Structure formats: C-alpha cells, structure tokens
Amino acid sequence: MGDETEGRTRIVVKLDDLLHARRMTLTELAERVDITLANLSILKTGKAKAIRFSTLEAICEALQCQPGDLLGFEPD
C-alpha cells in the first residue's frame, strides 16, 4: 500500500492549464517566481516529489490563483 503509482504521485500539477489561461510562458513564470526553469519544469511534468510552501505561495501570487487551482488529486 503506497501513495505512488508506478513511481509517480497521484498529485497532478495543472500548471500548463494555468499558464495557458494567463498567456504566460514557463520562462516568464520562472523569472517572476525566482525559480530555475529546470525546477519549474520538474514541477510542471509531475516529477517533483515535494514543493515548498514559499514556492507554492510565489507561484499562486504570480498566477493569481489558489493552491487548489494548481494541484489536484487523482484517486485510484
């Protein structure tokens, strides 16, 4: 019994949808949030194992969204 399926978490990151809706590139978000493009890409592709609240807060502020707009949960 684990919280990961095939090495991936069931938490989904809906960053692509938010970026598209705000007409913002990943590069622009990386600059606004002061996070490397590589780390933001890891988050976007769902490969991140964790996210700091401070990073989550900065992303939400830059995208004018709530954490629940960015993160979702896929049940079995």
PDB file of N, CA and C in Angstrom:
ATOM      1  N   MET A   1       0.851  -1.172   0.000  1.00  0.00           N
ATOM      2  CA  MET A   1       0.000   0.000   0.000  1.00  0.00           C
ATOM      3  C   MET A   1       0.895   1.233   0.000  1.00  0.00           C
ATOM      4  N   GLY A   2       0.805   2.033  -1.056  1.00  0.00           N
ATOM      5  CA  GLY A   2       1.643   3.218  -1.152  1.00  0.00           C
ATOM      6  C   GLY A   2       0.857   4.362  -1.727  1.00  0.00           C
ATOM      7  N   ASP A   3       1.475   5.516  -1.728  1.00  0.00           N
ATOM      8  CA  ASP A   3       0.804   6.690  -2.258  1.00  0.00           C
ATOM      9  C   ASP A   3       1.301   7.043  -3.657  1.00  0.00           C
ATOM     10  N   GLU A   4       2.063   6.119  -4.263  1.00  0.00           N
ATOM     11  CA  GLU A   4       2.552   6.366  -5.612  1.00  0.00           C
ATOM     12  C   GLU A   4       2.168   5.201  -6.503  1.00  0.00           C
ATOM     13  N   THR A   5       1.915   5.514  -7.766  1.00  0.00           N
ATOM     14  CA  THR A   5       1.576   4.513  -8.759  1.00  0.00           C
ATOM     15  C   THR A   5       2.658   4.546  -9.821  1.00  0.00           C
ATOM     16  N   GLU A   6       3.353   3.410 -10.001  1.00  0.00           N
ATOM     17  CA  GLU A   6       4.422   3.306 -10.983  1.00  0.00           C
ATOM     18  C   GLU A   6       5.438   4.430 -10.832  1.00  0.00           C
ATOM     19  N   GLY A   7       5.811   4.739  -9.602  1.00  0.00           N
ATOM     20  CA  GLY A   7       6.819   5.751  -9.355  1.00  0.00           C
ATOM     21  C   GLY A   7       6.337   7.189  -9.480  1.00  0.00           C
ATOM     22  N   ARG A   8       5.091   7.401  -9.787  1.00  0.00           N
ATOM     23  CA  ARG A   8       4.560   8.756  -9.915  1.00  0.00           C
ATOM     24  C   ARG A   8       3.516   8.986  -8.833  1.00  0.00           C
ATOM     25  N   THR A   9       3.466  10.194  -8.382  1.00  0.00           N
ATOM     26  CA  THR A   9       2.499  10.552  -7.365  1.00  0.00           C
ATOM     27  C   THR A   9       1.116  10.723  -7.988  1.00  0.00           C
ATOM     28  N   ARG A  10       0.099  10.611  -7.185  1.00  0.00           N
ATOM     29  CA  ARG A  10      -1.269  10.808  -7.685  1.00  0.00           C
ATOM     30  C   ARG A  10      -1.676  12.273  -7.601  1.00  0.00           C
ATOM     31  N   ILE A  11      -0.756  13.116  -7.150  1.00  0.00           N
ATOM     32  CA  ILE A  11      -0.986  14.555  -7.170  1.00  0.00           C
ATOM     33  C   ILE A  11      -0.660  15.038  -8.579  1.00  0.00           C
ATOM     34  N   VAL A  12      -1.594  15.740  -9.192  1.00  0.00           N
ATOM     35  CA  VAL A  12      -1.365  16.279 -10.531  1.00  0.00           C
ATOM     36  C   VAL A  12      -1.165  17.784 -10.439  1.00  0.00           C
ATOM     37  N   VAL A  13      -0.255  18.276 -11.244  1.00  0.00           N
ATOM     38  CA  VAL A  13       0.058  19.694 -11.292  1.00  0.00           C
ATOM     39  C   VAL A  13      -0.546  20.259 -12.570  1.00  0.00           C
ATOM     40  N   LYS A  14      -1.437  21.220 -12.413  1.00  0.00           N
ATOM     41  CA  LYS A  14      -2.172  21.782 -13.546  1.00  0.00           C
ATOM     42  C   LYS A  14      -1.558  23.105 -14.001  1.00  0.00           C
ATOM     43  N   LEU A  15      -0.237  23.136 -14.023  1.00  0.00           N
ATOM     44  CA  LEU A  15       0.485  24.352 -14.356  1.00  0.00           C
ATOM     45  C   LEU A  15       0.292  24.752 -15.816  1.00  0.00           C
ATOM     46  N   ASP A  16       0.289  23.786 -16.712  1.00  0.00           N
ATOM     47  CA  ASP A  16       0.087  24.092 -18.145  1.00  0.00           C
ATOM     48  C   ASP A  16      -1.221  24.834 -18.374  1.00  0.00           C
ATOM     49  N   ASP A  17      -2.286  24.362 -17.753  1.00  0.00           N
ATOM     50  CA  ASP A  17      -3.593  24.996 -17.926  1.00  0.00           C
ATOM     51  C   ASP A  17      -3.594  26.430 -17.416  1.00  0.00           C
ATOM     52  N   LEU A  18      -2.976  26.643 -16.253  1.00  0.00           N
ATOM     53  CA  LEU A  18      -2.930  27.989 -15.681  1.00  0.00           C
ATOM     54  C   LEU A  18      -2.071  28.932 -16.519  1.00  0.00           C
ATOM     55  N   LEU A  19      -0.944  28.436 -16.997  1.00  0.00           N
ATOM     56  CA  LEU A  19      -0.078  29.266 -17.846  1.00  0.00           C
ATOM     57  C   LEU A  19      -0.805  29.651 -19.131  1.00  0.00           C
ATOM     58  N   HIS A  20      -1.480  28.687 -19.721  1.00  0.00           N
ATOM     59  CA  HIS A  20      -2.223  28.952 -20.952  1.00  0.00           C
ATOM     60  C   HIS A  20      -3.318  29.991 -20.713  1.00  0.00           C
ATOM     61  N   ALA A  21      -4.051  29.836 -19.634  1.00  0.00           N
ATOM     62  CA  ALA A  21      -5.141  30.757 -19.317  1.00  0.00           C
ATOM     63  C   ALA A  21      -4.630  32.173 -19.062  1.00  0.00           C
ATOM     64  N   ARG A  22      -3.410  32.277 -18.545  1.00  0.00           N
ATOM     65  CA  ARG A  22      -2.843  33.599 -18.236  1.00  0.00           C
ATOM     66  C   ARG A  22      -1.938  34.121 -19.341  1.00  0.00           C
ATOM     67  N   ARG A  23      -1.831  33.345 -20.423  1.00  0.00           N
ATOM     68  CA  ARG A  23      -0.960  33.705 -21.554  1.00  0.00           C
ATOM     69  C   ARG A  23       0.450  34.037 -21.075  1.00  0.00           C
ATOM     70  N   MET A  24       0.971  33.110 -20.273  1.00  0.00           N
ATOM     71  CA  MET A  24       2.298  33.290 -19.692  1.00  0.00           C
ATOM     72  C   MET A  24       3.143  32.070 -20.050  1.00  0.00           C
ATOM     73  N   THR A  25       4.422  32.296 -20.314  1.00  0.00           N
ATOM     74  CA  THR A  25       5.320  31.181 -20.609  1.00  0.00           C
ATOM     75  C   THR A  25       5.927  30.655 -19.312  1.00  0.00           C
ATOM     76  N   LEU A  26       6.444  29.452 -19.394  1.00  0.00           N
ATOM     77  CA  LEU A  26       7.117  28.855 -18.240  1.00  0.00           C
ATOM     78  C   LEU A  26       8.341  29.693 -17.870  1.00  0.00           C
ATOM     79  N   THR A  27       9.024  30.194 -18.872  1.00  0.00           N
ATOM     80  CA  THR A  27      10.202  31.038 -18.636  1.00  0.00           C
ATOM     81  C   THR A  27       9.815  32.310 -17.889  1.00  0.00           C
ATOM     82  N   GLU A  28       8.721  32.945 -18.298  1.00  0.00           N
ATOM     83  CA  GLU A  28       8.264  34.159 -17.627  1.00  0.00           C
ATOM     84  C   GLU A  28       7.888  33.874 -16.172  1.00  0.00           C
ATOM     85  N   LEU A  29       7.208  32.755 -15.945  1.00  0.00           N
ATOM     86  CA  LEU A  29       6.841  32.394 -14.573  1.00  0.00           C
ATOM     87  C   LEU A  29       8.094  32.143 -13.743  1.00  0.00           C
ATOM     88  N   ALA A  30       9.070  31.448 -14.315  1.00  0.00           N
ATOM     89  CA  ALA A  30      10.321  31.167 -13.601  1.00  0.00           C
ATOM     90  C   ALA A  30      10.987  32.470 -13.163  1.00  0.00           C
ATOM     91  N   GLU A  31      10.982  33.468 -14.046  1.00  0.00           N
ATOM     92  CA  GLU A  31      11.585  34.762 -13.710  1.00  0.00           C
ATOM     93  C   GLU A  31      10.790  35.474 -12.617  1.00  0.00           C
ATOM     94  N   ARG A  32       9.477  35.433 -12.697  1.00  0.00           N
ATOM     95  CA  ARG A  32       8.640  36.120 -11.706  1.00  0.00           C
ATOM     96  C   ARG A  32       8.749  35.477 -10.326  1.00  0.00           C
ATOM     97  N   VAL A  33       8.879  34.161 -10.293  1.00  0.00           N
ATOM     98  CA  VAL A  33       8.897  33.409  -9.041  1.00  0.00           C
ATOM     99  C   VAL A  33      10.320  33.250  -8.505  1.00  0.00           C
ATOM    100  N   ASP A  34      11.306  33.544  -9.344  1.00  0.00           N
ATOM    101  CA  ASP A  34      12.711  33.381  -8.991  1.00  0.00           C
ATOM    102  C   ASP A  34      13.023  31.928  -8.666  1.00  0.00           C
ATOM    103  N   ILE A  35      12.663  31.060  -9.610  1.00  0.00           N
ATOM    104  CA  ILE A  35      12.947  29.629  -9.521  1.00  0.00           C
ATOM    105  C   ILE A  35      13.576  29.242 -10.858  1.00  0.00           C
ATOM    106  N   THR A  36      14.455  28.274 -10.842  1.00  0.00           N
ATOM    107  CA  THR A  36      15.094  27.899 -12.103  1.00  0.00           C
ATOM    108  C   THR A  36      14.068  27.268 -13.033  1.00  0.00           C
ATOM    109  N   LEU A  37      14.300  27.450 -14.322  1.00  0.00           N
ATOM    110  CA  LEU A  37      13.417  26.864 -15.329  1.00  0.00           C
ATOM    111  C   LEU A  37      13.408  25.337 -15.200  1.00  0.00           C
ATOM    112  N   ALA A  38      14.570  24.777 -14.883  1.00  0.00           N
ATOM    113  CA  ALA A  38      14.666  23.316 -14.725  1.00  0.00           C
ATOM    114  C   ALA A  38      13.779  22.829 -13.580  1.00  0.00           C
ATOM    115  N   ASN A  39      13.810  23.509 -12.441  1.00  0.00           N
ATOM    116  CA  ASN A  39      12.984  23.089 -11.304  1.00  0.00           C
ATOM    117  C   ASN A  39      11.501  23.296 -11.577  1.00  0.00           C
ATOM    118  N   LEU A  40      11.167  24.367 -12.259  1.00  0.00           N
ATOM    119  CA  LEU A  40       9.771  24.614 -12.604  1.00  0.00           C
ATOM    120  C   LEU A  40       9.281  23.563 -13.595  1.00  0.00           C
ATOM    121  N   SER A  41      10.141  23.157 -14.503  1.00  0.00           N
ATOM    122  CA  SER A  41       9.803  22.115 -15.470  1.00  0.00           C
ATOM    123  C   SER A  41       9.556  20.778 -14.776  1.00  0.00           C
ATOM    124  N   ILE A  42      10.365  20.472 -13.768  1.00  0.00           N
ATOM    125  CA  ILE A  42      10.167  19.239 -12.987  1.00  0.00           C
ATOM    126  C   ILE A  42       8.800  19.260 -12.311  1.00  0.00           C
ATOM    127  N   LEU A  43       8.427  20.411 -11.784  1.00  0.00           N
ATOM    128  CA  LEU A  43       7.112  20.551 -11.164  1.00  0.00           C
ATOM    129  C   LEU A  43       6.011  20.386 -12.210  1.00  0.00           C
ATOM    130  N   LYS A  44       6.167  21.047 -13.351  1.00  0.00           N
ATOM    131  CA  LYS A  44       5.151  21.031 -14.401  1.00  0.00           C
ATOM    132  C   LYS A  44       4.890  19.620 -14.937  1.00  0.00           C
ATOM    133  N   THR A  45       5.944  18.834 -15.054  1.00  0.00           N
ATOM    134  CA  THR A  45       5.798  17.489 -15.610  1.00  0.00           C
ATOM    135  C   THR A  45       5.352  16.457 -14.581  1.00  0.00           C
ATOM    136  N   GLY A  46       5.148  16.896 -13.331  1.00  0.00           N
ATOM    137  CA  GLY A  46       4.667  15.971 -12.308  1.00  0.00           C
ATOM    138  C   GLY A  46       5.748  15.101 -11.714  1.00  0.00           C
ATOM    139  N   LYS A  47       7.015  15.431 -11.943  1.00  0.00           N
ATOM    140  CA  LYS A  47       8.116  14.620 -11.436  1.00  0.00           C
ATOM    141  C   LYS A  47       8.634  15.093 -10.082  1.00  0.00           C
ATOM    142  N   ALA A  48       8.117  16.211  -9.596  1.00  0.00           N
ATOM    143  CA  ALA A  48       8.562  16.733  -8.304  1.00  0.00           C
ATOM    144  C   ALA A  48       8.048  15.854  -7.172  1.00  0.00           C
ATOM    145  N   LYS A  49       8.871  15.667  -6.176  1.00  0.00           N
ATOM    146  CA  LYS A  49       8.486  14.875  -5.003  1.00  0.00           C
ATOM    147  C   LYS A  49       7.871  15.760  -3.925  1.00  0.00           C
ATOM    148  N   ALA A  50       8.168  17.052  -3.979  1.00  0.00           N
ATOM    149  CA  ALA A  50       7.682  17.973  -2.953  1.00  0.00           C
ATOM    150  C   ALA A  50       7.728  19.398  -3.502  1.00  0.00           C
ATOM    151  N   ILE A  51       7.038  20.298  -2.812  1.00  0.00           N
ATOM    152  CA  ILE A  51       7.102  21.717  -3.142  1.00  0.00           C
ATOM    153  C   ILE A  51       7.065  22.495  -1.835  1.00  0.00           C
ATOM    154  N   ARG A  52       7.932  23.463  -1.721  1.00  0.00           N
ATOM    155  CA  ARG A  52       7.936  24.306  -0.524  1.00  0.00           C
ATOM    156  C   ARG A  52       6.721  25.207  -0.556  1.00  0.00           C
ATOM    157  N   PHE A  53       6.178  25.467   0.626  1.00  0.00           N
ATOM    158  CA  PHE A  53       5.041  26.389   0.701  1.00  0.00           C
ATOM    159  C   PHE A  53       5.412  27.763   0.156  1.00  0.00           C
ATOM    160  N   SER A  54       6.640  28.196   0.382  1.00  0.00           N
ATOM    161  CA  SER A  54       7.057  29.509  -0.116  1.00  0.00           C
ATOM    162  C   SER A  54       7.047  29.540  -1.649  1.00  0.00           C
ATOM    163  N   THR A  55       7.428  28.430  -2.277  1.00  0.00           N
ATOM    164  CA  THR A  55       7.382  28.337  -3.742  1.00  0.00           C
ATOM    165  C   THR A  55       5.945  28.296  -4.222  1.00  0.00           C
ATOM    166  N   LEU A  56       5.123  27.521  -3.552  1.00  0.00           N
ATOM    167  CA  LEU A  56       3.710  27.436  -3.896  1.00  0.00           C
ATOM    168  C   LEU A  56       3.051  28.806  -3.770  1.00  0.00           C
ATOM    169  N   GLU A  57       3.368  29.507  -2.707  1.00  0.00           N
ATOM    170  CA  GLU A  57       2.823  30.845  -2.489  1.00  0.00           C
ATOM    171  C   GLU A  57       3.245  31.796  -3.610  1.00  0.00           C
ATOM    172  N   ALA A  58       4.518  31.742  -3.998  1.00  0.00           N
ATOM    173  CA  ALA A  58       5.022  32.620  -5.053  1.00  0.00           C
ATOM    174  C   ALA A  58       4.364  32.311  -6.395  1.00  0.00           C
ATOM    175  N   ILE A  59       4.170  31.027  -6.696  1.00  0.00           N
ATOM    176  CA  ILE A  59       3.503  30.642  -7.946  1.00  0.00           C
ATOM    177  C   ILE A  59       2.060  31.121  -7.938  1.00  0.00           C
ATOM    178  N   CYS A  60       1.373  30.916  -6.819  1.00  0.00           N
ATOM    179  CA  CYS A  60      -0.022  31.352  -6.714  1.00  0.00           C
ATOM    180  C   CYS A  60      -0.139  32.869  -6.849  1.00  0.00           C
ATOM    181  N   GLU A  61       0.806  33.587  -6.274  1.00  0.00           N
ATOM    182  CA  GLU A  61       0.784  35.045  -6.385  1.00  0.00           C
ATOM    183  C   GLU A  61       1.012  35.479  -7.830  1.00  0.00           C
ATOM    184  N   ALA A  62       1.988  34.870  -8.495  1.00  0.00           N
ATOM    185  CA  ALA A  62       2.305  35.227  -9.885  1.00  0.00           C
ATOM    186  C   ALA A  62       1.161  34.892 -10.835  1.00  0.00           C
ATOM    187  N   LEU A  63       0.466  33.779 -10.566  1.00  0.00           N
ATOM    188  CA  LEU A  63      -0.616  33.342 -11.448  1.00  0.00           C
ATOM    189  C   LEU A  63      -1.993  33.792 -10.966  1.00  0.00           C
ATOM    190  N   GLN A  64      -2.022  34.487  -9.811  1.00  0.00           N
ATOM    191  CA  GLN A  64      -3.289  34.935  -9.237  1.00  0.00           C
ATOM    192  C   GLN A  64      -4.275  33.766  -9.129  1.00  0.00           C
ATOM    193  N   CYS A  65      -3.835  32.721  -8.412  1.00  0.00           N
ATOM    194  CA  CYS A  65      -4.655  31.521  -8.262  1.00  0.00           C
ATOM    195  C   CYS A  65      -4.559  31.013  -6.834  1.00  0.00           C
ATOM    196  N   GLN A  66      -5.331  29.997  -6.538  1.00  0.00           N
ATOM    197  CA  GLN A  66      -5.297  29.314  -5.252  1.00  0.00           C
ATOM    198  C   GLN A  66      -4.512  28.011  -5.418  1.00  0.00           C
ATOM    199  N   PRO A  67      -3.939  27.464  -4.340  1.00  0.00           N
ATOM    200  CA  PRO A  67      -3.219  26.200  -4.445  1.00  0.00           C
ATOM    201  C   PRO A  67      -4.056  25.093  -5.099  1.00  0.00           C
ATOM    202  N   GLY A  68      -5.352  25.084  -4.816  1.00  0.00           N
ATOM    203  CA  GLY A  68      -6.229  24.066  -5.403  1.00  0.00           C
ATOM    204  C   GLY A  68      -6.408  24.220  -6.908  1.00  0.00           C
ATOM    205  N   ASP A  69      -6.135  25.420  -7.430  1.00  0.00           N
ATOM    206  CA  ASP A  69      -6.179  25.627  -8.873  1.00  0.00           C
ATOM    207  C   ASP A  69      -4.953  24.993  -9.539  1.00  0.00           C
ATOM    208  N   LEU A  70      -3.880  24.894  -8.786  1.00  0.00           N
ATOM    209  CA  LEU A  70      -2.609  24.384  -9.300  1.00  0.00           C
ATOM    210  C   LEU A  70      -2.437  22.892  -9.100  1.00  0.00           C
ATOM    211  N   LEU A  71      -2.974  22.375  -7.985  1.00  0.00           N
ATOM    212  CA  LEU A  71      -2.771  20.978  -7.628  1.00  0.00           C
ATOM    213  C   LEU A  71      -4.093  20.217  -7.597  1.00  0.00           C
ATOM    214  N   GLY A  72      -4.051  18.980  -8.032  1.00  0.00           N
ATOM    215  CA  GLY A  72      -5.217  18.112  -7.971  1.00  0.00           C
ATOM    216  C   GLY A  72      -4.801  16.732  -7.479  1.00  0.00           C
ATOM    217  N   PHE A  73      -5.781  15.893  -7.212  1.00  0.00           N
ATOM    218  CA  PHE A  73      -5.545  14.543  -6.716  1.00  0.00           C
ATOM    219  C   PHE A  73      -6.286  13.560  -7.595  1.00  0.00           C
ATOM    220  N   GLU A  74      -5.581  12.553  -8.109  1.00  0.00           N
ATOM    221  CA  GLU A  74      -6.193  11.513  -8.926  1.00  0.00           C
ATOM    222  C   GLU A  74      -6.390  10.274  -8.070  1.00  0.00           C
ATOM    223  N   PRO A  75      -7.624   9.976  -7.689  1.00  0.00           N
ATOM    224  CA  PRO A  75      -7.861   8.764  -6.903  1.00  0.00           C
ATOM    225  C   PRO A  75      -7.622   7.504  -7.761  1.00  0.00           C
ATOM    226  N   ASP A  76      -7.445   6.376  -7.100  1.00  0.00           N
ATOM    227  CA  ASP A  76      -7.249   5.100  -7.828  1.00  0.00           C
ATOM    228  C   ASP A  76      -8.421   4.816  -8.731  1.00  0.00           C
TER     229      ASP A  76
END
